[in-house]
Amino acid sequence: MYDITIIGGGIVGLATALRIKEQKPALKVLLLEKENEVAKHQTGHNSGVIHSGLYYKPGSLKATNCIRGYQMLIDFCEKEGVAYDLCGKIVVATTEEQRPLLRNLFERGNQNGLVENRMISEGEMKEIEPHVKGLEGIWVPYTGIIDYKTVCEKYAEKFRLLDGEVVFGEKVTNVKNRNSHSEVVTATGKIFETKLVVNCAGLYSDKVAQLTQPENINVRIIPFRGEYYKIRPEKHYLVKNLIYPVPDPNFPFLGVHFTRMIEGGIEAGPNAVFAFKREGYGKLDIDVTEMLESLSWPGFQKVAMKYWRTGLGEYYRSFSKAAFTKALQGLIPEIQSEDLIPGGSGVRAQACDYDGGLLDDFSIIENKTAINVCNAPSPAATSSLSIGQTVSEKVLSRF
């Protein structure tokens, strides 16, 4: 019998497991992961950016966890020798219409305590990123780059040293609630008895949540694929560090941008297109059942009606390298189609409620037998230790 069973070996599940064992080493904690290694999906496919907390509504769980988690992550990396680089980034307004949005973003950063950010002129932008084109920008010195899979491996190592147990290759198919405990059933036929279930299943968090409680939950995970190009090595000089556009305040994605990677190289992207499969990393990856579940969700239908123009533009960029290049040229006019080679892709788990709201904040749904992390969008990786702390406090209050 385990005290706590955590489902999901991504960065949120691992951080939660580590925080629980650090605070209550005597508890028997199990982490189940369906794959054969940690960070196989969202965590292992992201762009490796350490986010500062610039974009998030002051006082929201996103903002408070990002700002607290940012410092926790830096402290952890310093202590454990995990490589990172606080290289900074610029956010660029390329049109007059974006200037007030940029100023609002700057004010939001100030409200979130990012007092070292500063507004910069076109000339100052050129000093930081010589090839960028824009009217003005924000210099964000807090932003950095890291390999989150390496972070996850270190979390797992520390968790095991505290006698935590990680079991791979166990996909959860059912959770049966008994009087005093739950039985977590996996595809291999194994049954793990536990007093409390903690669901950190990412792209399948809504599915697992439905297993833990008889009543329907009000959210559905809608998968959005983000596709990247890499810049050819001979054109790496075009980008020093990180260059971002001013985000569309009505759309929950940041727009295509340029990111230097901690292991070397420059990524450009991502776009954001509806994925026909929750773990569909390729354009032609389709799971008919999952696709129909998404398309039939009333909330997603409302989202599609609202954002159909934006969505078509994203799909056009997905299949047209010329269109993708044109979007990038808004920030760096010198970039050409032949400078781009296909890169990786990732799938983001975007929670959508019944009424068509794309959840912008973290969402944790609790009942007597389970704690379900049903929405942990970007900056979940940056915020992981803080989210883990938040979830672990909920867990430990029951023991």
Protein backbone atom coordinates (compact mmCIF):
# COMPACT_ATOMS: atom_id res chain seq x y z
CA MET A 1 0.00 0.00 0.00
CA TYR A 2 1.39 3.37 -1.06
CA ASP A 3 0.50 6.59 0.69
CA ILE A 4 0.58 8.58 -2.57
CA THR A 5 0.63 7.50 -6.21
CA ILE A 6 1.51 10.18 -8.76
CA ILE A 7 0.48 9.56 -12.36
CA GLY A 8 2.78 11.18 -14.93
CA GLY A 9 6.54 11.47 -15.23
CA GLY A 10 6.70 14.93 -16.74
CA ILE A 11 8.21 17.90 -14.97
CA VAL A 12 5.12 18.69 -12.84
CA GLY A 13 4.70 15.09 -11.63
CA LEU A 14 8.40 14.77 -10.80
CA ALA A 15 8.57 18.12 -9.02
CA THR A 16 5.50 17.21 -6.96
CA ALA A 17 6.98 13.83 -6.04
CA LEU A 18 10.27 15.44 -5.01
CA ARG A 19 8.62 18.14 -2.91
CA ILE A 20 6.46 15.57 -1.06
CA LYS A 21 9.45 13.39 -0.17
CA GLU A 22 11.59 16.37 0.84
CA GLN A 23 8.95 17.47 3.34
CA LYS A 24 7.72 14.05 4.56
CA PRO A 25 10.40 11.43 3.83
CA ALA A 26 8.51 8.73 5.72
CA LEU A 27 5.60 8.73 3.25
CA LYS A 28 5.61 5.91 0.71
CA VAL A 29 5.40 7.64 -2.68
CA LEU A 30 5.11 5.98 -6.11
CA LEU A 31 5.35 7.71 -9.49
CA LEU A 32 3.89 5.85 -12.49
CA GLU A 33 4.94 6.73 -16.04
CA LYS A 34 3.57 4.97 -19.12
CA GLU A 35 6.72 5.59 -21.20
CA ASN A 36 10.19 4.14 -20.63
CA GLU A 37 11.73 7.44 -19.50
CA VAL A 38 10.85 10.77 -17.93
CA ALA A 39 9.82 13.90 -19.87
CA LYS A 40 8.77 12.02 -22.99
CA HIS A 41 5.98 14.37 -24.06
CA GLN A 42 5.25 18.04 -23.24
CA THR A 43 8.35 18.56 -21.09
CA GLY A 44 10.73 16.93 -23.54
CA HIS A 45 9.35 18.81 -26.55
CA ASN A 46 9.30 22.40 -25.30
CA SER A 47 11.62 25.21 -26.31
CA GLY A 48 13.72 25.17 -23.14
CA VAL A 49 13.01 28.75 -22.07
CA ILE A 50 13.18 29.91 -18.45
CA HIS A 51 10.27 32.35 -18.30
CA SER A 52 10.35 35.48 -16.15
CA GLY A 53 6.62 36.01 -15.45
CA LEU A 54 6.24 38.89 -17.88
CA TYR A 55 3.00 37.83 -19.55
CA TYR A 56 0.83 36.65 -16.69
CA LYS A 57 -2.03 38.40 -14.92
CA PRO A 58 -0.75 39.75 -11.57
CA GLY A 59 -2.01 37.64 -8.69
CA SER A 60 -2.92 34.67 -10.91
CA LEU A 61 -1.61 31.20 -10.10
CA LYS A 62 0.42 31.46 -13.31
CA ALA A 63 2.12 34.68 -12.19
CA THR A 64 2.75 33.72 -8.55
CA ASN A 65 3.98 30.21 -9.39
CA CYS A 66 6.20 31.46 -12.24
CA ILE A 67 7.89 34.13 -10.15
CA ARG A 68 8.37 31.83 -7.15
CA GLY A 69 9.23 28.85 -9.35
CA TYR A 70 11.75 30.86 -11.36
CA GLN A 71 13.92 31.46 -8.29
CA MET A 72 13.41 27.89 -7.04
CA LEU A 73 14.58 26.55 -10.42
CA ILE A 74 17.66 28.78 -10.51
CA ASP A 75 18.58 27.80 -6.94
CA PHE A 76 18.07 24.10 -7.75
CA CYS A 77 20.25 24.30 -10.87
CA GLU A 78 22.99 26.12 -8.96
CA LYS A 79 22.97 23.51 -6.20
CA GLU A 80 22.76 20.48 -8.51
CA GLY A 81 25.05 21.69 -11.29
CA VAL A 82 22.40 21.79 -14.03
CA ALA A 83 23.49 24.05 -16.92
CA TYR A 84 21.43 27.15 -17.66
CA ASP A 85 22.04 30.59 -19.14
CA LEU A 86 20.18 33.77 -18.18
CA CYS A 87 20.84 35.35 -21.58
CA GLY A 88 17.83 37.69 -21.61
CA LYS A 89 15.37 38.35 -24.41
CA ILE A 90 13.74 41.21 -26.26
CA VAL A 91 10.01 41.56 -26.98
CA VAL A 92 9.56 43.59 -30.16
CA ALA A 93 6.73 45.85 -31.33
CA THR A 94 6.84 45.86 -35.13
CA THR A 95 3.77 48.06 -35.81
CA GLU A 96 2.26 51.23 -34.30
CA GLU A 97 -0.75 49.18 -33.18
CA GLN A 98 1.51 47.04 -31.02
CA ARG A 99 3.06 49.94 -29.10
CA PRO A 100 0.24 50.23 -26.50
CA LEU A 101 0.21 46.42 -26.12
CA LEU A 102 3.96 46.52 -25.50
CA ARG A 103 3.53 49.25 -22.85
CA ASN A 104 0.80 47.21 -21.17
CA LEU A 105 3.11 44.22 -21.14
CA PHE A 106 5.86 46.32 -19.56
CA GLU A 107 3.47 47.51 -16.84
CA ARG A 108 2.35 43.95 -16.19
CA GLY A 109 5.99 42.94 -15.76
CA ASN A 110 6.46 45.75 -13.23
CA GLN A 111 3.37 44.59 -11.32
CA ASN A 112 4.90 41.11 -11.21
CA GLY A 113 8.10 42.49 -9.69
CA LEU A 114 10.30 42.46 -12.81
CA VAL A 115 11.86 45.80 -11.99
CA GLU A 116 15.00 45.23 -14.08
CA ASN A 117 13.01 45.10 -17.33
CA ARG A 118 13.34 48.25 -19.41
CA MET A 119 11.77 49.78 -22.46
CA ILE A 120 14.29 50.06 -25.27
CA SER A 121 14.37 52.13 -28.46
CA GLU A 122 14.94 50.83 -31.97
CA GLY A 123 18.61 51.74 -31.68
CA GLU A 124 18.99 49.95 -28.34
CA MET A 125 17.33 46.87 -29.80
CA LYS A 126 19.90 46.88 -32.58
CA GLU A 127 22.70 46.89 -30.01
CA ILE A 128 21.27 43.72 -28.43
CA GLU A 129 20.04 41.99 -31.63
CA PRO A 130 21.67 43.69 -34.65
CA HIS A 131 19.42 42.04 -37.24
CA VAL A 132 16.04 42.66 -35.60
CA LYS A 133 13.48 45.05 -37.07
CA GLY A 134 11.07 46.89 -34.79
CA LEU A 135 9.87 50.24 -33.48
CA GLU A 136 10.63 49.65 -29.80
CA GLY A 137 10.89 46.78 -27.39
CA ILE A 138 11.29 45.46 -23.87
CA TRP A 139 14.60 44.10 -22.63
CA VAL A 140 13.91 41.21 -20.23
CA PRO A 141 17.19 40.25 -18.52
CA TYR A 142 15.56 37.54 -16.39
CA THR A 143 14.79 35.17 -19.28
CA GLY A 144 17.07 32.20 -19.81
CA ILE A 145 17.53 28.87 -21.54
CA ILE A 146 17.86 25.34 -20.15
CA ASP A 147 17.28 21.67 -21.02
CA TYR A 148 14.18 20.65 -19.06
CA LYS A 149 14.71 16.94 -19.70
CA THR A 150 18.01 17.22 -17.81
CA VAL A 151 16.12 18.99 -15.02
CA CYS A 152 13.59 16.13 -14.91
CA GLU A 153 16.31 13.52 -14.75
CA LYS A 154 17.81 15.36 -11.78
CA TYR A 155 14.39 15.60 -10.06
CA ALA A 156 13.97 11.83 -10.53
CA GLU A 157 17.45 11.14 -9.19
CA LYS A 158 16.83 13.24 -6.07
CA PHE A 159 13.40 11.62 -5.56
CA ARG A 160 14.90 8.13 -5.71
CA LEU A 161 17.63 9.10 -3.24
CA LEU A 162 14.82 9.87 -0.80
CA ASP A 163 13.45 6.32 -1.35
CA GLY A 164 10.79 7.45 -3.80
CA GLU A 165 9.79 4.82 -6.35
CA VAL A 166 9.52 5.42 -10.12
CA VAL A 167 7.96 2.70 -12.27
CA PHE A 168 8.08 3.00 -16.07
CA GLY A 169 5.96 1.26 -18.69
CA GLU A 170 2.74 1.40 -16.66
CA LYS A 171 -0.12 3.15 -18.42
CA VAL A 172 -3.02 3.82 -16.05
CA THR A 173 -6.31 2.47 -17.42
CA ASN A 174 -8.56 2.64 -14.35
CA VAL A 175 -8.79 4.01 -10.82
CA LYS A 176 -11.15 2.14 -8.49
CA ASN A 177 -12.20 3.88 -5.32
CA ARG A 178 -12.48 1.63 -2.26
CA ASN A 179 -13.57 2.66 1.24
CA SER A 180 -10.12 3.40 2.62
CA HIS A 181 -7.96 3.55 -0.50
CA SER A 182 -7.87 3.51 -4.30
CA GLU A 183 -6.68 0.85 -6.71
CA VAL A 184 -4.71 2.19 -9.66
CA VAL A 185 -4.97 -0.31 -12.51
CA THR A 186 -2.51 -0.32 -15.42
CA ALA A 187 -2.51 -1.76 -18.94
CA THR A 188 -0.16 -4.56 -17.86
CA GLY A 189 -2.77 -5.77 -15.37
CA LYS A 190 -0.95 -4.56 -12.28
CA ILE A 191 -2.86 -3.00 -9.39
CA PHE A 192 -1.23 -0.41 -7.15
CA GLU A 193 -3.07 0.25 -3.88
CA THR A 194 -2.78 3.83 -2.65
CA LYS A 195 -4.35 6.18 -0.12
CA LEU A 196 -4.25 9.17 -2.47
CA VAL A 197 -3.95 9.64 -6.24
CA VAL A 198 -2.19 12.71 -7.67
CA ASN A 199 -2.88 13.19 -11.36
CA CYS A 200 -0.13 14.97 -13.31
CA ALA A 201 -0.88 13.24 -16.61
CA GLY A 202 -0.58 16.32 -18.84
CA LEU A 203 -2.18 15.58 -22.21
CA TYR A 204 -4.35 12.93 -20.55
CA SER A 205 -5.04 14.72 -17.27
CA ASP A 206 -8.75 15.09 -18.05
CA LYS A 207 -9.03 11.37 -18.85
CA VAL A 208 -7.35 10.40 -15.58
CA ALA A 209 -9.46 12.93 -13.66
CA GLN A 210 -12.59 11.26 -15.02
CA LEU A 211 -11.33 7.93 -13.67
CA THR A 212 -10.96 9.40 -10.17
CA GLN A 213 -14.47 10.79 -9.82
CA PRO A 214 -17.87 9.64 -11.07
CA GLU A 215 -19.20 13.08 -12.03
CA ASN A 216 -18.02 14.63 -15.27
CA ILE A 217 -15.37 17.32 -15.00
CA ASN A 218 -16.01 20.60 -16.78
CA VAL A 219 -12.79 20.67 -18.81
CA ARG A 220 -11.44 18.80 -21.80
CA ILE A 221 -7.81 18.77 -22.90
CA ILE A 222 -7.53 20.02 -26.48
CA PRO A 223 -4.13 19.27 -28.06
CA PHE A 224 -2.36 22.01 -30.01
CA ARG A 225 0.79 21.14 -31.96
CA GLY A 226 3.61 23.64 -32.23
CA GLU A 227 6.08 23.13 -35.07
CA TYR A 228 9.63 24.49 -35.19
CA TYR A 229 12.22 25.15 -37.82
CA LYS A 230 15.94 25.23 -37.10
CA ILE A 231 18.17 27.91 -38.58
CA ARG A 232 21.09 26.67 -40.66
CA PRO A 233 24.39 27.03 -38.78
CA GLU A 234 25.80 29.56 -41.26
CA LYS A 235 22.90 31.90 -40.39
CA HIS A 236 23.12 31.59 -36.61
CA TYR A 237 24.67 35.07 -36.53
CA LEU A 238 21.21 36.51 -37.22
CA VAL A 239 20.07 35.70 -33.67
CA LYS A 240 22.12 36.33 -30.53
CA ASN A 241 19.68 35.02 -27.91
CA LEU A 242 15.86 35.25 -27.78
CA ILE A 243 13.55 37.45 -29.87
CA TYR A 244 9.78 37.47 -29.26
CA PRO A 245 6.87 39.35 -30.86
CA VAL A 246 4.21 41.22 -28.91
CA PRO A 247 1.62 38.49 -28.20
CA ASP A 248 -1.98 38.72 -29.36
CA PRO A 249 -3.90 39.36 -26.10
CA ASN A 250 -6.90 37.42 -27.43
CA PHE A 251 -4.98 34.24 -28.27
CA PRO A 252 -3.27 32.05 -25.63
CA PHE A 253 -0.06 31.51 -27.62
CA LEU A 254 2.98 33.76 -27.92
CA GLY A 255 3.45 33.75 -31.69
CA VAL A 256 6.50 32.61 -33.66
CA HIS A 257 9.81 33.65 -32.13
CA PHE A 258 13.54 32.91 -32.18
CA THR A 259 15.21 30.93 -29.39
CA ARG A 260 18.84 30.03 -28.85
CA MET A 261 19.10 26.52 -27.40
CA ILE A 262 21.25 25.59 -24.41
CA GLU A 263 22.86 22.71 -26.37
CA GLY A 264 23.55 24.99 -29.35
CA GLY A 265 21.57 26.03 -32.39
CA ILE A 266 18.65 28.39 -32.99
CA GLU A 267 14.97 27.39 -33.17
CA ALA A 268 12.29 29.41 -34.95
CA GLY A 269 8.61 28.93 -34.13
CA PRO A 270 6.30 27.54 -32.99
CA ASN A 271 3.00 27.99 -34.72
CA ALA A 272 -0.09 26.57 -32.94
CA VAL A 273 -2.43 24.19 -34.79
CA PHE A 274 -5.13 21.85 -33.55
CA ALA A 275 -3.62 18.35 -33.35
CA PHE A 276 -5.68 15.36 -34.50
CA LYS A 277 -4.04 13.21 -31.81
CA ARG A 278 -3.03 14.06 -28.23
CA GLU A 279 0.49 12.86 -28.86
CA GLY A 280 0.45 13.72 -32.55
CA TYR A 281 3.81 15.28 -33.29
CA GLY A 282 3.55 14.88 -37.07
CA LYS A 283 1.17 16.70 -39.43
CA LEU A 284 -0.43 13.42 -40.48
CA ASP A 285 -0.70 11.83 -37.02
CA ILE A 286 -4.39 11.07 -36.45
CA ASP A 287 -6.30 9.23 -33.75
CA VAL A 288 -9.92 9.24 -34.93
CA THR A 289 -11.40 8.67 -31.46
CA GLU A 290 -9.36 11.45 -29.86
CA MET A 291 -10.02 13.81 -32.75
CA LEU A 292 -13.80 13.26 -32.56
CA GLU A 293 -13.74 13.72 -28.77
CA SER A 294 -12.13 17.12 -29.24
CA LEU A 295 -14.33 18.20 -32.14
CA SER A 296 -17.52 17.17 -30.33
CA TRP A 297 -16.67 19.09 -27.14
CA PRO A 298 -19.05 22.10 -27.05
CA GLY A 299 -16.34 24.32 -25.60
CA PHE A 300 -13.96 23.59 -28.47
CA GLN A 301 -16.70 24.26 -31.02
CA LYS A 302 -17.13 27.72 -29.50
CA VAL A 303 -13.36 28.29 -29.57
CA ALA A 304 -13.23 27.24 -33.23
CA MET A 305 -16.03 29.67 -34.11
CA LYS A 306 -14.25 32.50 -32.32
CA TYR A 307 -10.71 31.90 -33.62
CA TRP A 308 -11.34 30.33 -37.01
CA ARG A 309 -9.44 33.06 -38.91
CA THR A 310 -6.43 32.78 -36.60
CA GLY A 311 -6.61 28.99 -36.80
CA LEU A 312 -6.62 28.99 -40.60
CA GLY A 313 -3.59 31.27 -40.58
CA GLU A 314 -1.75 28.88 -38.27
CA TYR A 315 -2.60 25.90 -40.51
CA TYR A 316 -1.45 27.84 -43.57
CA ARG A 317 1.91 28.44 -41.87
CA SER A 318 2.04 24.75 -40.95
CA PHE A 319 1.88 23.64 -44.59
CA SER A 320 3.53 26.68 -46.22
CA LYS A 321 7.19 27.26 -45.47
CA ALA A 322 6.93 30.58 -47.32
CA ALA A 323 4.17 31.75 -44.96
CA PHE A 324 6.15 30.61 -41.93
CA THR A 325 9.18 32.48 -43.25
CA LYS A 326 7.11 35.62 -43.82
CA ALA A 327 5.94 35.55 -40.19
CA LEU A 328 9.56 35.29 -39.02
CA GLN A 329 10.61 38.11 -41.36
CA GLY A 330 8.40 40.41 -39.31
CA LEU A 331 11.12 40.22 -36.68
CA ILE A 332 14.22 39.52 -38.81
CA PRO A 333 13.75 40.63 -42.45
CA GLU A 334 17.01 38.96 -43.54
CA ILE A 335 15.78 35.44 -42.77
CA GLN A 336 15.02 33.48 -45.95
CA SER A 337 13.15 30.24 -46.60
CA GLU A 338 16.36 28.42 -47.50
CA ASP A 339 17.82 29.37 -44.10
CA LEU A 340 15.25 27.14 -42.37
CA ILE A 341 15.39 23.37 -41.98
CA PRO A 342 12.64 21.29 -40.36
CA GLY A 343 12.98 21.04 -36.59
CA GLY A 344 10.98 19.28 -33.91
CA SER A 345 7.45 19.75 -32.68
CA GLY A 346 5.58 19.62 -29.42
CA VAL A 347 1.96 19.21 -28.36
CA ARG A 348 0.52 21.51 -25.73
CA ALA A 349 -2.28 20.33 -23.47
CA GLN A 350 -4.73 23.23 -23.52
CA ALA A 351 -7.67 22.87 -21.14
CA CYS A 352 -10.96 24.12 -22.57
CA ASP A 353 -14.09 24.42 -20.46
CA TYR A 354 -17.64 23.56 -21.55
CA ASP A 355 -18.48 27.19 -22.29
CA GLY A 356 -15.57 27.74 -24.66
CA GLY A 357 -13.06 29.26 -22.29
CA LEU A 358 -9.41 28.39 -22.94
CA LEU A 359 -8.11 28.12 -19.39
CA ASP A 360 -5.25 30.56 -19.05
CA ASP A 361 -4.39 29.66 -15.46
CA PHE A 362 -3.41 26.54 -13.59
CA SER A 363 -6.38 24.35 -12.62
CA ILE A 364 -6.39 21.84 -9.77
CA ILE A 365 -9.52 19.77 -9.13
CA GLU A 366 -9.73 17.87 -5.83
CA ASN A 367 -11.96 15.25 -4.30
CA LYS A 368 -11.68 12.88 -1.34
CA THR A 369 -9.44 10.38 -3.10
CA ALA A 370 -7.55 12.42 -5.70
CA ILE A 371 -5.86 15.69 -6.57
CA ASN A 372 -6.03 16.37 -10.31
CA VAL A 373 -3.74 18.90 -11.98
CA CYS A 374 -6.02 19.52 -14.97
CA ASN A 375 -4.28 22.50 -16.53
CA ALA A 376 -0.60 23.29 -16.24
CA PRO A 377 0.19 25.40 -19.32
CA SER A 378 3.40 27.26 -20.04
CA PRO A 379 5.24 28.37 -17.90
CA ALA A 380 4.73 25.05 -16.07
CA ALA A 381 8.33 23.96 -16.65
CA THR A 382 9.77 27.17 -15.19
CA SER A 383 7.19 26.98 -12.39
CA SER A 384 7.55 23.25 -11.75
CA LEU A 385 9.03 23.38 -8.23
CA SER A 386 6.51 25.99 -7.18
CA ILE A 387 3.59 24.02 -8.63
CA GLY A 388 5.05 20.93 -6.97
CA GLN A 389 5.15 22.84 -3.69
CA THR A 390 1.53 23.96 -4.11
CA VAL A 391 0.32 20.42 -4.89
CA SER A 392 2.47 18.85 -2.16
CA GLU A 393 0.91 21.20 0.42
CA LYS A 394 -2.53 20.01 -0.66
CA VAL A 395 -1.31 16.42 -0.41
CA LEU A 396 0.38 16.77 2.99
CA SER A 397 -2.64 18.45 4.52
CA ARG A 398 -4.33 15.06 4.19
CA PHE A 399 -1.58 13.20 6.08
